[in-house]
Amino acid sequence: MSNYLSISDILVSNEKVPCKFLHDLPKMGFLDPSAADDDLKAGTNVEIPLWLAESLQSRRPPLVSVDLPKIYKDAYREILNADACTVDMHKLGQYFYELGCYVAKHDIKGEVAATLENTFKQRFRMLLSASVSTDTLSTMQPLSASERKRAAAAASSENALSAWLQRGDCPLTTANMVANHRKRKRAEMEMF
């Protein structure tokens, strides 16, 4: 799922997620900006980068428990499931889908994955219809990074298709193999 050399994947894994420390950690108080001690006490809630949270959770025994970021909790899920097309995805999270894929494994109920899928389906229809007309793409709610990439690719494909259709120098014709196959099938049918 992760790509070591991908800049966008590096940016996604650097997003901060809320974590609860399960053990006392000496000399790690600098992770909590509100801490007065040099030590980090068990039960402290801190937002740390995703890459650090996953490495601390994968240790035996785990040092942290990862909580869902607020954009994947119930309140936002209800908004996204109701009508995802009206949501400003850039404000919600520039890497909403990518971070959601990472965070989904920390969701016990499995609702994050379902919300990601539903949101993508709703917004994909909107992107697809808007890619045919470039003026509607600019009037849409701001898009996430992956949606901008998909919208640009769809608009490029639409432009290439319309240019090819307008060329007119090579009309579509039936291939000889297909025409011969039809003749052979017709001949076989007439025999019976």
C-alpha atoms as a PDB file:
ATOM      1  CA  MET A   1       0.000   0.000   0.000  1.00  0.00           C
ATOM      2  CA  SER A   2       2.806   2.442   0.740  1.00  0.00           C
ATOM      3  CA  ASN A   3       5.251   3.614  -1.873  1.00  0.00           C
ATOM      4  CA  TYR A   4       8.646   4.541  -0.476  1.00  0.00           C
ATOM      5  CA  LEU A   5       9.582   6.898  -3.315  1.00  0.00           C
ATOM      6  CA  SER A   6       6.220   8.628  -3.726  1.00  0.00           C
ATOM      7  CA  ILE A   7       6.179  12.246  -2.556  1.00  0.00           C
ATOM      8  CA  SER A   8       2.419  12.166  -2.005  1.00  0.00           C
ATOM      9  CA  ASP A   9       2.760   9.008   0.103  1.00  0.00           C
ATOM     10  CA  ILE A  10       5.439  10.705   2.196  1.00  0.00           C
ATOM     11  CA  LEU A  11       3.105  13.674   2.731  1.00  0.00           C
ATOM     12  CA  VAL A  12       0.227  11.357   3.666  1.00  0.00           C
ATOM     13  CA  SER A  13       2.288   9.430   6.201  1.00  0.00           C
ATOM     14  CA  ASN A  14       3.388  12.733   7.740  1.00  0.00           C
ATOM     15  CA  GLU A  15      -0.229  13.704   8.583  1.00  0.00           C
ATOM     16  CA  LYS A  16      -0.829  13.807  12.332  1.00  0.00           C
ATOM     17  CA  VAL A  17      -3.173  11.317  13.999  1.00  0.00           C
ATOM     18  CA  PRO A  18      -4.384  11.306  17.618  1.00  0.00           C
ATOM     19  CA  CYS A  19      -2.761   8.637  19.797  1.00  0.00           C
ATOM     20  CA  LYS A  20      -2.965   7.568  23.406  1.00  0.00           C
ATOM     21  CA  PHE A  21       0.247   6.419  25.035  1.00  0.00           C
ATOM     22  CA  LEU A  22      -0.138   3.134  26.896  1.00  0.00           C
ATOM     23  CA  HIS A  23       3.124   3.223  28.897  1.00  0.00           C
ATOM     24  CA  ASP A  24       5.297   5.814  30.592  1.00  0.00           C
ATOM     25  CA  LEU A  25       8.100   6.946  28.290  1.00  0.00           C
ATOM     26  CA  PRO A  26      11.109   8.570  29.934  1.00  0.00           C
ATOM     27  CA  LYS A  27      12.659  11.620  28.234  1.00  0.00           C
ATOM     28  CA  MET A  28       9.848  11.778  25.595  1.00  0.00           C
ATOM     29  CA  GLY A  29       7.903  14.695  27.076  1.00  0.00           C
ATOM     30  CA  PHE A  30       8.850  16.858  24.083  1.00  0.00           C
ATOM     31  CA  LEU A  31       6.199  14.978  22.036  1.00  0.00           C
ATOM     32  CA  ASP A  32       3.482  16.655  24.115  1.00  0.00           C
ATOM     33  CA  PRO A  33       3.719  20.449  23.780  1.00  0.00           C
ATOM     34  CA  SER A  34       1.639  20.953  26.932  1.00  0.00           C
ATOM     35  CA  ALA A  35       3.762  18.639  29.098  1.00  0.00           C
ATOM     36  CA  ALA A  36       5.685  20.151  31.992  1.00  0.00           C
ATOM     37  CA  ASP A  37       7.751  17.003  32.652  1.00  0.00           C
ATOM     38  CA  ASP A  38      10.538  15.458  30.626  1.00  0.00           C
ATOM     39  CA  ASP A  39       8.708  12.140  30.811  1.00  0.00           C
ATOM     40  CA  LEU A  40       5.564  11.215  28.870  1.00  0.00           C
ATOM     41  CA  LYS A  41       2.989   9.614  31.175  1.00  0.00           C
ATOM     42  CA  ALA A  42       0.713   6.714  30.264  1.00  0.00           C
ATOM     43  CA  GLY A  43      -2.743   7.856  29.179  1.00  0.00           C
ATOM     44  CA  THR A  44      -1.464  11.031  27.526  1.00  0.00           C
ATOM     45  CA  ASN A  45      -3.226  11.925  24.274  1.00  0.00           C
ATOM     46  CA  VAL A  46      -0.929  13.395  21.647  1.00  0.00           C
ATOM     47  CA  GLU A  47      -1.131  13.984  17.904  1.00  0.00           C
ATOM     48  CA  ILE A  48       1.912  12.500  16.188  1.00  0.00           C
ATOM     49  CA  PRO A  49       2.746  11.752  12.536  1.00  0.00           C
ATOM     50  CA  LEU A  50       1.196   8.601  11.116  1.00  0.00           C
ATOM     51  CA  TRP A  51       4.551   6.963  10.356  1.00  0.00           C
ATOM     52  CA  LEU A  52       5.622   7.363  13.995  1.00  0.00           C
ATOM     53  CA  ALA A  53       2.252   6.194  15.345  1.00  0.00           C
ATOM     54  CA  GLU A  54       2.341   3.027  13.236  1.00  0.00           C
ATOM     55  CA  SER A  55       5.891   2.202  14.265  1.00  0.00           C
ATOM     56  CA  LEU A  56       5.088   2.726  17.956  1.00  0.00           C
ATOM     57  CA  GLN A  57       1.937   0.621  17.673  1.00  0.00           C
ATOM     58  CA  SER A  58       3.675  -2.250  15.879  1.00  0.00           C
ATOM     59  CA  ARG A  59       6.123  -2.782  18.774  1.00  0.00           C
ATOM     60  CA  ARG A  60       5.558  -5.582  21.262  1.00  0.00           C
ATOM     61  CA  PRO A  61       4.040  -4.489  23.598  1.00  0.00           C
ATOM     62  CA  PRO A  62       2.448  -1.594  21.691  1.00  0.00           C
ATOM     63  CA  LEU A  63       3.373   1.808  23.071  1.00  0.00           C
ATOM     64  CA  VAL A  64       0.379   3.681  21.638  1.00  0.00           C
ATOM     65  CA  SER A  65      -3.171   3.089  20.525  1.00  0.00           C
ATOM     66  CA  VAL A  66      -4.086   5.016  17.382  1.00  0.00           C
ATOM     67  CA  ASP A  67      -7.404   6.854  17.357  1.00  0.00           C
ATOM     68  CA  LEU A  68      -9.269   8.003  14.246  1.00  0.00           C
ATOM     69  CA  PRO A  69      -8.713  11.604  13.132  1.00  0.00           C
ATOM     70  CA  LYS A  70     -11.815  13.777  13.495  1.00  0.00           C
ATOM     71  CA  ILE A  71     -12.519  13.781   9.734  1.00  0.00           C
ATOM     72  CA  TYR A  72     -13.218  10.025   9.888  1.00  0.00           C
ATOM     73  CA  LYS A  73     -15.414  10.073  13.001  1.00  0.00           C
ATOM     74  CA  ASP A  74     -19.207   9.769  13.147  1.00  0.00           C
ATOM     75  CA  ALA A  75     -20.139  13.440  12.632  1.00  0.00           C
ATOM     76  CA  TYR A  76     -18.146  13.778   9.427  1.00  0.00           C
ATOM     77  CA  ARG A  77     -19.175  10.317   8.270  1.00  0.00           C
ATOM     78  CA  GLU A  78     -22.840  11.313   8.469  1.00  0.00           C
ATOM     79  CA  ILE A  79     -22.169  14.445   6.409  1.00  0.00           C
ATOM     80  CA  LEU A  80     -20.222  12.501   3.780  1.00  0.00           C
ATOM     81  CA  ASN A  81     -22.789   9.716   3.561  1.00  0.00           C
ATOM     82  CA  ALA A  82     -25.623  12.246   3.184  1.00  0.00           C
ATOM     83  CA  ASP A  83     -24.124  14.224   0.291  1.00  0.00           C
ATOM     84  CA  ALA A  84     -20.397  14.066  -0.343  1.00  0.00           C
ATOM     85  CA  CYS A  85     -20.621  16.303  -3.413  1.00  0.00           C
ATOM     86  CA  THR A  86     -21.210  19.429  -1.314  1.00  0.00           C
ATOM     87  CA  VAL A  87     -18.180  18.920   0.938  1.00  0.00           C
ATOM     88  CA  ASP A  88     -15.013  20.977   0.473  1.00  0.00           C
ATOM     89  CA  MET A  89     -12.523  18.098   0.333  1.00  0.00           C
ATOM     90  CA  HIS A  90      -9.527  20.435   0.290  1.00  0.00           C
ATOM     91  CA  LYS A  91     -10.494  21.803   3.729  1.00  0.00           C
ATOM     92  CA  LEU A  92     -11.398  18.362   5.035  1.00  0.00           C
ATOM     93  CA  GLY A  93      -8.056  16.913   4.078  1.00  0.00           C
ATOM     94  CA  GLN A  94      -5.992  17.259   0.950  1.00  0.00           C
ATOM     95  CA  TYR A  95      -5.154  13.560   1.083  1.00  0.00           C
ATOM     96  CA  PHE A  96      -8.539  12.399   2.380  1.00  0.00           C
ATOM     97  CA  TYR A  97      -8.687   9.075   0.519  1.00  0.00           C
ATOM     98  CA  GLU A  98      -5.032   8.148   0.956  1.00  0.00           C
ATOM     99  CA  LEU A  99      -4.990   8.890   4.692  1.00  0.00           C
ATOM    100  CA  GLY A 100      -8.307   7.077   5.029  1.00  0.00           C
ATOM    101  CA  CYS A 101      -6.751   3.937   3.547  1.00  0.00           C
ATOM    102  CA  TYR A 102      -4.028   4.039   6.195  1.00  0.00           C
ATOM    103  CA  VAL A 103      -6.425   4.832   9.050  1.00  0.00           C
ATOM    104  CA  ALA A 104      -9.032   2.235   8.013  1.00  0.00           C
ATOM    105  CA  LYS A 105      -6.977  -0.559   9.548  1.00  0.00           C
ATOM    106  CA  HIS A 106      -7.276   1.163  12.947  1.00  0.00           C
ATOM    107  CA  ASP A 107     -11.085   1.347  12.670  1.00  0.00           C
ATOM    108  CA  ILE A 108     -12.535  -1.621  14.548  1.00  0.00           C
ATOM    109  CA  LYS A 109     -16.059  -1.227  13.121  1.00  0.00           C
ATOM    110  CA  GLY A 110     -14.885  -0.939   9.503  1.00  0.00           C
ATOM    111  CA  GLU A 111     -16.988   2.158   8.863  1.00  0.00           C
ATOM    112  CA  VAL A 112     -14.107   4.243   7.499  1.00  0.00           C
ATOM    113  CA  ALA A 113     -13.615   1.952   4.503  1.00  0.00           C
ATOM    114  CA  ALA A 114     -17.339   2.023   3.715  1.00  0.00           C
ATOM    115  CA  THR A 115     -17.412   5.815   3.989  1.00  0.00           C
ATOM    116  CA  LEU A 116     -14.376   6.164   1.715  1.00  0.00           C
ATOM    117  CA  GLU A 117     -16.007   3.945  -0.885  1.00  0.00           C
ATOM    118  CA  ASN A 118     -19.359   5.739  -0.709  1.00  0.00           C
ATOM    119  CA  THR A 119     -17.724   9.178  -0.847  1.00  0.00           C
ATOM    120  CA  PHE A 120     -15.608   8.199  -3.824  1.00  0.00           C
ATOM    121  CA  LYS A 121     -18.614   6.801  -5.707  1.00  0.00           C
ATOM    122  CA  GLN A 122     -20.660   9.960  -5.156  1.00  0.00           C
ATOM    123  CA  ARG A 123     -17.850  12.331  -6.069  1.00  0.00           C
ATOM    124  CA  PHE A 124     -16.638  10.233  -9.009  1.00  0.00           C
ATOM    125  CA  ARG A 125     -19.983  10.613 -10.757  1.00  0.00           C
ATOM    126  CA  MET A 126     -19.764  14.363 -10.221  1.00  0.00           C
ATOM    127  CA  LEU A 127     -16.159  14.487 -11.485  1.00  0.00           C
ATOM    128  CA  LEU A 128     -16.959  12.387 -14.518  1.00  0.00           C
ATOM    129  CA  SER A 129     -19.879  14.545 -15.584  1.00  0.00           C
ATOM    130  CA  ALA A 130     -17.909  17.732 -14.912  1.00  0.00           C
ATOM    131  CA  SER A 131     -14.880  16.540 -16.881  1.00  0.00           C
ATOM    132  CA  VAL A 132     -16.914  16.698 -20.101  1.00  0.00           C
ATOM    133  CA  SER A 133     -17.376  20.412 -19.537  1.00  0.00           C
ATOM    134  CA  THR A 134     -14.326  22.242 -18.192  1.00  0.00           C
ATOM    135  CA  ASP A 135     -16.335  25.263 -17.003  1.00  0.00           C
ATOM    136  CA  THR A 136     -18.259  23.124 -14.473  1.00  0.00           C
ATOM    137  CA  LEU A 137     -14.996  21.727 -13.082  1.00  0.00           C
ATOM    138  CA  SER A 138     -13.954  25.203 -11.941  1.00  0.00           C
ATOM    139  CA  THR A 139     -17.315  25.862 -10.250  1.00  0.00           C
ATOM    140  CA  MET A 140     -17.228  22.660  -8.147  1.00  0.00           C
ATOM    141  CA  GLN A 141     -16.267  22.524  -4.501  1.00  0.00           C
ATOM    142  CA  PRO A 142     -12.480  22.393  -4.047  1.00  0.00           C
ATOM    143  CA  LEU A 143     -11.148  18.905  -4.658  1.00  0.00           C
ATOM    144  CA  SER A 144      -8.676  16.712  -2.835  1.00  0.00           C
ATOM    145  CA  ALA A 145      -5.279  16.065  -4.433  1.00  0.00           C
ATOM    146  CA  SER A 146      -6.261  12.692  -5.912  1.00  0.00           C
ATOM    147  CA  GLU A 147      -9.556  14.104  -7.219  1.00  0.00           C
ATOM    148  CA  ARG A 148      -7.707  16.939  -8.962  1.00  0.00           C
ATOM    149  CA  LYS A 149      -5.447  14.369 -10.628  1.00  0.00           C
ATOM    150  CA  ARG A 150      -8.407  12.273 -11.763  1.00  0.00           C
ATOM    151  CA  ALA A 151     -10.322  15.322 -13.020  1.00  0.00           C
ATOM    152  CA  ALA A 152      -7.329  16.507 -15.045  1.00  0.00           C
ATOM    153  CA  ALA A 153      -6.864  13.023 -16.544  1.00  0.00           C
ATOM    154  CA  ALA A 154     -10.562  12.775 -17.405  1.00  0.00           C
ATOM    155  CA  ALA A 155     -10.591  16.211 -19.046  1.00  0.00           C
ATOM    156  CA  SER A 156      -7.453  15.315 -21.020  1.00  0.00           C
ATOM    157  CA  SER A 157      -9.029  12.048 -22.200  1.00  0.00           C
ATOM    158  CA  GLU A 158     -12.225  13.843 -23.183  1.00  0.00           C
ATOM    159  CA  ASN A 159     -10.267  16.416 -25.202  1.00  0.00           C
ATOM    160  CA  ALA A 160      -8.248  13.696 -26.933  1.00  0.00           C
ATOM    161  CA  LEU A 161     -11.416  11.750 -27.812  1.00  0.00           C
ATOM    162  CA  SER A 162     -13.206  14.779 -29.239  1.00  0.00           C
ATOM    163  CA  ALA A 163     -10.088  15.719 -31.256  1.00  0.00           C
ATOM    164  CA  TRP A 164      -9.881  12.190 -32.654  1.00  0.00           C
ATOM    165  CA  LEU A 165     -13.585  12.143 -33.528  1.00  0.00           C
ATOM    166  CA  GLN A 166     -13.330  15.504 -35.300  1.00  0.00           C
ATOM    167  CA  ARG A 167     -10.310  14.430 -37.354  1.00  0.00           C
ATOM    168  CA  GLY A 168     -12.452  12.309 -39.635  1.00  0.00           C
ATOM    169  CA  ASP A 169      -9.568  10.953 -41.696  1.00  0.00           C
ATOM    170  CA  CYS A 170      -9.970   7.355 -40.573  1.00  0.00           C
ATOM    171  CA  PRO A 171     -13.623   6.310 -40.329  1.00  0.00           C
ATOM    172  CA  LEU A 172     -14.491   3.230 -38.306  1.00  0.00           C
ATOM    173  CA  THR A 173     -15.134   0.129 -40.411  1.00  0.00           C
ATOM    174  CA  THR A 174     -15.864  -3.491 -39.666  1.00  0.00           C
ATOM    175  CA  ALA A 175     -12.778  -5.702 -39.564  1.00  0.00           C
ATOM    176  CA  ASN A 176     -12.528  -8.355 -42.299  1.00  0.00           C
ATOM    177  CA  MET A 177     -12.364 -11.149 -39.741  1.00  0.00           C
ATOM    178  CA  VAL A 178     -15.646 -10.039 -38.151  1.00  0.00           C
ATOM    179  CA  ALA A 179     -17.373  -9.662 -41.536  1.00  0.00           C
ATOM    180  CA  ASN A 180     -16.216 -13.101 -42.657  1.00  0.00           C
ATOM    181  CA  HIS A 181     -17.326 -14.646 -39.375  1.00  0.00           C
ATOM    182  CA  ARG A 182     -20.820 -13.211 -39.821  1.00  0.00           C
ATOM    183  CA  LYS A 183     -21.018 -14.551 -43.386  1.00  0.00           C
ATOM    184  CA  ARG A 184     -19.916 -18.007 -42.241  1.00  0.00           C
ATOM    185  CA  LYS A 185     -22.484 -18.041 -39.398  1.00  0.00           C
ATOM    186  CA  ARG A 186     -25.222 -16.957 -41.835  1.00  0.00           C
ATOM    187  CA  ALA A 187     -24.226 -19.725 -44.249  1.00  0.00           C
ATOM    188  CA  GLU A 188     -24.326 -22.315 -41.459  1.00  0.00           C
ATOM    189  CA  MET A 189     -27.772 -21.126 -40.363  1.00  0.00           C
ATOM    190  CA  GLU A 190     -29.138 -21.349 -43.898  1.00  0.00           C
ATOM    191  CA  MET A 191     -28.011 -24.995 -44.171  1.00  0.00           C
ATOM    192  CA  PHE A 192     -30.360 -26.069 -41.394  1.00  0.00           C
END
